[in-house]
C-alpha atoms as a PDB file:
ATOM      1  CA  MET A   1      -9.648 -15.414  -6.881  1.00  0.00           C
ATOM      2  CA  ALA A   2      -6.799 -16.596  -4.898  1.00  0.00           C
ATOM      3  CA  HIS A   3      -7.349 -17.690  -1.155  1.00  0.00           C
ATOM      4  CA  ALA A   4      -9.310 -15.382   1.092  1.00  0.00           C
ATOM      5  CA  GLU A   5      -6.859 -13.786   3.818  1.00  0.00           C
ATOM      6  CA  THR A   6      -8.532 -12.371   7.071  1.00  0.00           C
ATOM      7  CA  ARG A   7      -8.349  -8.900   8.081  1.00  0.00           C
ATOM      8  CA  GLY A   8      -5.293  -6.700   8.903  1.00  0.00           C
ATOM      9  CA  SER A   9      -4.887  -4.022  11.166  1.00  0.00           C
ATOM     10  CA  ALA A  10      -2.792  -0.798  11.494  1.00  0.00           C
ATOM     11  CA  GLY A  11      -1.886   0.673  14.637  1.00  0.00           C
ATOM     12  CA  ASP A  12      -4.821   1.956  16.933  1.00  0.00           C
ATOM     13  CA  GLN A  13      -7.501   1.628  14.051  1.00  0.00           C
ATOM     14  CA  THR A  14     -10.873  -0.043  14.991  1.00  0.00           C
ATOM     15  CA  PRO A  15     -10.219  -3.840  14.358  1.00  0.00           C
ATOM     16  CA  VAL A  16     -11.507  -5.199  11.043  1.00  0.00           C
ATOM     17  CA  PRO A  17     -14.637  -7.498  11.504  1.00  0.00           C
ATOM     18  CA  ALA A  18     -13.839 -11.386  10.585  1.00  0.00           C
ATOM     19  CA  CYS A  19     -16.410 -11.135   7.962  1.00  0.00           C
ATOM     20  CA  LEU A  20     -14.339  -8.778   5.924  1.00  0.00           C
ATOM     21  CA  THR A  21     -11.681 -10.633   4.001  1.00  0.00           C
ATOM     22  CA  TYR A  22      -9.212  -9.678   1.262  1.00  0.00           C
ATOM     23  CA  SER A  23      -7.685 -11.829  -1.436  1.00  0.00           C
ATOM     24  CA  PRO A  24      -4.463 -10.330  -2.857  1.00  0.00           C
ATOM     25  CA  GLY A  25      -2.942 -10.601  -6.209  1.00  0.00           C
ATOM     26  CA  TRP A  26      -0.322  -8.780  -8.288  1.00  0.00           C
ATOM     27  CA  ARG A  27      -2.662  -7.338 -10.590  1.00  0.00           C
ATOM     28  CA  TYR A  28      -5.876  -6.917  -8.131  1.00  0.00           C
ATOM     29  CA  THR A  29      -6.891  -7.440  -4.468  1.00  0.00           C
ATOM     30  CA  PHE A  30     -10.323  -8.327  -3.960  1.00  0.00           C
ATOM     31  CA  VAL A  31     -11.955  -7.160  -0.459  1.00  0.00           C
ATOM     32  CA  ILE A  32     -14.908  -9.388   0.009  1.00  0.00           C
ATOM     33  CA  ASN A  33     -17.770  -8.397   2.450  1.00  0.00           C
ATOM     34  CA  ASP A  34     -19.794 -11.299   3.872  1.00  0.00           C
ATOM     35  CA  CYS A  35     -21.120  -9.150   6.689  1.00  0.00           C
ATOM     36  CA  SER A  36     -24.729  -8.065   7.190  1.00  0.00           C
ATOM     37  CA  THR A  37     -23.973  -4.529   6.830  1.00  0.00           C
ATOM     38  CA  ALA A  38     -21.929  -2.404   4.160  1.00  0.00           C
ATOM     39  CA  HIS A  39     -18.238  -1.500   5.316  1.00  0.00           C
ATOM     40  CA  ARG A  40     -15.837   1.300   4.215  1.00  0.00           C
ATOM     41  CA  VAL A  41     -12.419  -0.139   3.879  1.00  0.00           C
ATOM     42  CA  LYS A  42      -9.061   0.502   2.140  1.00  0.00           C
ATOM     43  CA  VAL A  43      -6.049  -1.763   1.407  1.00  0.00           C
ATOM     44  CA  LEU A  44      -2.770  -1.056   3.059  1.00  0.00           C
ATOM     45  CA  TYR A  45       0.446  -1.496   1.083  1.00  0.00           C
ATOM     46  CA  GLY A  46       4.032  -2.282   2.219  1.00  0.00           C
ATOM     47  CA  ASP A  47       5.426   0.626   0.145  1.00  0.00           C
ATOM     48  CA  GLY A  48       2.754   3.132   1.598  1.00  0.00           C
ATOM     49  CA  THR A  49       0.688   3.442  -1.446  1.00  0.00           C
ATOM     50  CA  ASP A  50      -2.520   5.264  -0.626  1.00  0.00           C
ATOM     51  CA  VAL A  51      -5.650   4.167  -2.156  1.00  0.00           C
ATOM     52  CA  PRO A  52      -8.848   5.737  -1.515  1.00  0.00           C
ATOM     53  CA  CYS A  53     -11.390   4.270   0.874  1.00  0.00           C
ATOM     54  CA  GLN A  54     -14.337   2.371  -0.808  1.00  0.00           C
ATOM     55  CA  GLU A  55     -17.669   1.142   0.291  1.00  0.00           C
ATOM     56  CA  VAL A  56     -17.943  -2.569   0.023  1.00  0.00           C
ATOM     57  CA  ALA A  57     -21.668  -3.570  -0.064  1.00  0.00           C
ATOM     58  CA  THR A  58     -23.008  -6.236   1.983  1.00  0.00           C
ATOM     59  CA  ARG A  59     -22.276  -9.927   0.636  1.00  0.00           C
ATOM     60  CA  ASN A  60     -20.457  -8.147  -2.223  1.00  0.00           C
ATOM     61  CA  TRP A  61     -16.862  -7.403  -3.142  1.00  0.00           C
ATOM     62  CA  PHE A  62     -14.809  -4.368  -4.418  1.00  0.00           C
ATOM     63  CA  THR A  63     -11.473  -4.805  -6.562  1.00  0.00           C
ATOM     64  CA  PHE A  64      -8.596  -2.680  -5.411  1.00  0.00           C
ATOM     65  CA  PRO A  65      -5.109  -2.510  -7.127  1.00  0.00           C
ATOM     66  CA  GLY A  66      -2.854  -5.456  -6.735  1.00  0.00           C
ATOM     67  CA  TYR A  67       0.619  -5.657  -5.438  1.00  0.00           C
ATOM     68  CA  GLY A  68       2.319  -5.234  -8.634  1.00  0.00           C
ATOM     69  CA  THR A  69       5.356  -6.972 -10.037  1.00  0.00           C
ATOM     70  CA  SER A  70       7.805  -4.364  -8.269  1.00  0.00           C
ATOM     71  CA  GLY A  71       8.083  -6.310  -4.827  1.00  0.00           C
ATOM     72  CA  ASN A  72       5.097  -4.355  -3.079  1.00  0.00           C
ATOM     73  CA  THR A  73       2.837  -6.072  -0.406  1.00  0.00           C
ATOM     74  CA  VAL A  74      -0.383  -5.864   0.765  1.00  0.00           C
ATOM     75  CA  GLU A  75      -0.441  -5.816   4.382  1.00  0.00           C
ATOM     76  CA  GLY A  76      -4.131  -5.907   5.064  1.00  0.00           C
ATOM     77  CA  ILE A  77      -7.265  -3.904   5.272  1.00  0.00           C
ATOM     78  CA  VAL A  78      -8.537  -1.323   7.392  1.00  0.00           C
ATOM     79  CA  LEU A  79     -11.808   0.256   8.087  1.00  0.00           C
ATOM     80  CA  CYS A  80     -12.397   3.935   7.309  1.00  0.00           C
ATOM     81  CA  ASP A  81     -14.255   6.335   9.248  1.00  0.00           C
END
């Protein structure tokens, strides 16, 4: 995995706890949960690509799509309701 970045936020969404980090790559983006509870999260992409929310278990990680080779970016992660 590449370096882990701290959370992101979008507008008025609930802030993502510091124990949730992400590591973006062209093929995969890993969301790492180092919290004491599970969290439902999703990745925000610069081009507006919408991915489903996924539950990331305690002390675990989940693999989301990466940013690809067409100039897209990973903007952060957000909590889901």
